[in-house]
Protein backbone atom coordinates (compact mmCIF):
# COMPACT_ATOMS: atom_id res chain seq x y z
CA MET A 1 107.44 88.18 119.09
CA PRO A 2 107.31 90.06 122.55
CA THR A 3 104.31 92.20 123.41
CA SER A 4 104.15 95.28 125.68
CA SER A 5 101.98 94.72 129.46
CA ARG A 6 102.81 98.35 129.93
CA PHE A 7 99.11 99.38 129.10
CA ALA A 8 97.65 96.48 131.22
CA ILE A 9 99.58 97.21 134.14
CA ALA A 10 99.24 101.19 134.07
CA VAL A 11 95.79 100.11 133.89
CA HIS A 12 95.82 98.02 136.80
CA MET A 13 97.42 100.94 138.50
CA LEU A 14 94.96 103.62 137.91
CA THR A 15 91.93 101.35 138.51
CA LEU A 16 93.48 100.76 142.31
CA MET A 17 94.16 104.87 142.67
CA ALA A 18 90.29 105.15 141.55
CA ARG A 19 89.40 102.65 144.09
CA THR A 20 91.25 104.08 147.14
CA ASP A 21 89.56 107.78 145.92
CA GLU A 22 91.61 110.42 146.92
CA GLU A 23 93.92 108.83 149.43
CA CYS A 24 97.90 108.43 148.27
CA ILE A 25 99.05 104.89 147.57
CA LYS A 26 102.64 103.75 147.45
CA SER A 27 104.42 101.99 144.31
CA GLU A 28 105.25 99.13 146.97
CA ASP A 29 101.40 98.31 147.59
CA ILE A 30 100.71 98.50 143.97
CA ALA A 31 103.60 96.43 142.97
CA ARG A 32 102.00 93.80 145.30
CA SER A 33 98.73 93.92 143.51
CA VAL A 34 100.21 93.69 140.06
CA ASN A 35 102.48 91.11 141.22
CA THR A 36 105.91 92.90 139.78
CA ASN A 37 108.98 94.85 141.35
CA ALA A 38 107.85 98.15 142.10
CA VAL A 39 110.28 99.61 140.12
CA VAL A 40 108.48 98.67 137.05
CA ILE A 41 105.50 100.96 138.74
CA ARG A 42 107.69 103.55 139.34
CA ARG A 43 108.51 103.77 136.00
CA LEU A 44 105.36 103.89 134.33
CA MET A 45 103.84 106.01 137.02
CA CYS A 46 106.60 108.88 135.66
CA ALA A 47 105.09 108.38 131.78
CA LEU A 48 101.23 108.67 133.93
CA SER A 49 102.74 111.70 135.82
CA GLU A 50 104.07 113.37 132.61
CA ALA A 51 100.51 113.01 130.75
CA GLU A 52 99.08 114.56 133.80
CA LEU A 53 96.96 111.23 135.01
CA LEU A 54 98.64 111.22 138.50
CA VAL A 55 100.34 113.13 141.11
CA SER A 56 102.85 111.99 143.46
CA GLN A 57 104.09 113.11 146.67
CA THR A 58 107.11 112.37 148.60
CA GLY A 59 108.02 111.67 151.78
CA PRO A 60 106.89 109.24 154.69
CA CYS A 61 103.20 109.70 154.14
CA GLY A 62 103.46 109.87 150.42
CA GLY A 63 102.52 108.15 147.32
CA SER A 64 100.53 108.81 144.06
CA LYS A 65 96.90 109.19 143.22
CA LEU A 66 94.83 110.41 140.42
CA ALA A 67 95.14 113.70 138.88
CA ARG A 68 91.59 113.81 137.60
CA ALA A 69 88.25 112.04 138.15
CA PRO A 70 88.27 108.22 136.94
CA GLN A 71 85.24 109.15 134.65
CA ALA A 72 87.48 111.96 133.19
CA ILE A 73 90.43 109.55 132.20
CA THR A 74 89.52 106.93 129.06
CA LEU A 75 91.89 104.09 128.65
CA LEU A 76 92.89 105.90 125.34
CA ASP A 77 94.49 108.53 127.96
CA ILE A 78 96.56 105.50 129.42
CA TYR A 79 97.64 103.88 126.50
CA ARG A 80 99.40 107.14 124.81
CA ALA A 81 100.64 107.76 128.11
CA VAL A 82 102.53 104.34 128.27
CA GLU A 83 102.68 102.82 124.91
CA GLY A 84 102.79 105.27 122.02
CA GLY A 85 103.39 104.26 118.56
CA SER A 86 101.57 102.16 116.43
CA LEU A 87 100.54 98.35 117.15
CA PHE A 88 103.19 96.58 114.68
CA ALA A 89 106.63 97.72 113.54
CA LEU A 90 107.14 98.22 109.84
CA HIS A 91 110.43 96.39 108.28
CA ARG A 92 113.65 97.39 110.48
CA GLN A 93 115.72 97.28 107.09
CA LYS A 94 114.33 98.75 103.86
CA PRO A 95 113.15 96.44 101.52
CA ASN A 96 114.65 95.37 98.38
CA ARG A 97 113.44 98.27 95.92
CA HIS A 98 114.04 96.12 92.67
CA CYS A 99 111.62 93.60 93.86
CA THR A 100 107.90 94.44 92.85
CA VAL A 101 106.97 93.43 96.64
CA GLY A 102 109.39 95.06 98.60
CA ARG A 103 109.02 98.35 96.40
CA ASN A 104 105.46 98.55 97.38
CA ILE A 105 104.59 96.81 100.58
CA GLU A 106 105.55 99.57 102.88
CA SER A 107 102.86 101.81 101.61
CA VAL A 108 100.15 99.03 101.97
CA LEU A 109 101.32 98.30 105.69
CA GLU A 110 101.64 101.91 107.02
CA GLU A 111 97.63 102.33 105.45
CA VAL A 112 96.66 99.06 107.09
CA GLN A 113 98.83 100.36 110.36
CA ALA A 114 96.80 103.69 109.94
CA GLN A 115 93.40 101.94 110.14
CA MET A 116 94.40 99.55 112.93
CA ASP A 117 95.76 102.43 115.19
CA GLU A 118 92.37 104.41 114.08
CA ALA A 119 90.19 101.69 115.38
CA VAL A 120 91.77 100.89 118.60
CA GLU A 121 92.04 104.49 119.55
CA GLY A 122 88.36 104.60 118.63
CA VAL A 123 87.43 102.05 121.13
CA LEU A 124 89.81 103.08 123.95
CA GLU A 125 88.86 106.69 123.91
CA THR A 126 84.98 105.09 124.48
CA ILE A 127 85.79 103.59 128.05
CA THR A 128 86.56 105.31 131.27
CA LEU A 129 88.91 104.17 134.17
CA GLU A 130 85.33 104.58 136.03
CA LYS A 131 84.10 101.91 133.98
CA VAL A 132 86.99 99.81 134.36
CA LEU A 133 86.39 100.22 138.26
CA GLN A 134 82.62 99.41 137.76
CA THR A 135 83.38 96.13 136.04
CA VAL A 136 86.04 94.94 138.29
CA ASP A 137 84.53 96.31 141.82
CA PRO A 138 80.91 97.00 141.48
CA LYS A 139 80.82 97.98 145.47
CA ALA A 140 83.79 100.16 144.93
CA SER A 141 82.00 101.93 142.23
CA ARG A 142 78.90 102.76 144.25
CA ARG A 143 80.75 104.57 147.10
CA LYS A 144 80.34 108.41 146.55
CA ARG A 145 83.10 109.56 144.92
CA LYS A 146 85.22 112.82 146.02
CA THR A 147 85.34 116.03 143.63
CA TYR A 148 88.85 116.29 142.16
CA ALA A 149 90.12 119.72 141.52
């Protein structure tokens, strides 16, 4: 069963942006760091921009940068911007209502799904982008940060 890497790539992207303070960074440069195609990066940039986590500027000096300070962005913000939805999907087809298990399994799984989603969101909301940056690049996080408008 395939899993999505959108969240991991989005955290990577925004951590790069946090590291450069308020300088714009091009999708091609991010793609090199992530080791993926720039088209993948641009698609995620659209979702992150819609969630007001980054701003982009076009033109020869264009690129993207964080819309807020790294300490004001949580991993939950990023997760909601690029993933949306639950950790697992329920049945694609309705189970057999004539079967005792089939008749009742969806309500059980919906409750499990809700508890899992709540637990994941609880963890993600406690971790900021600044904390991620401090962990991956302690030197960068010690620099004096610019204030964001």
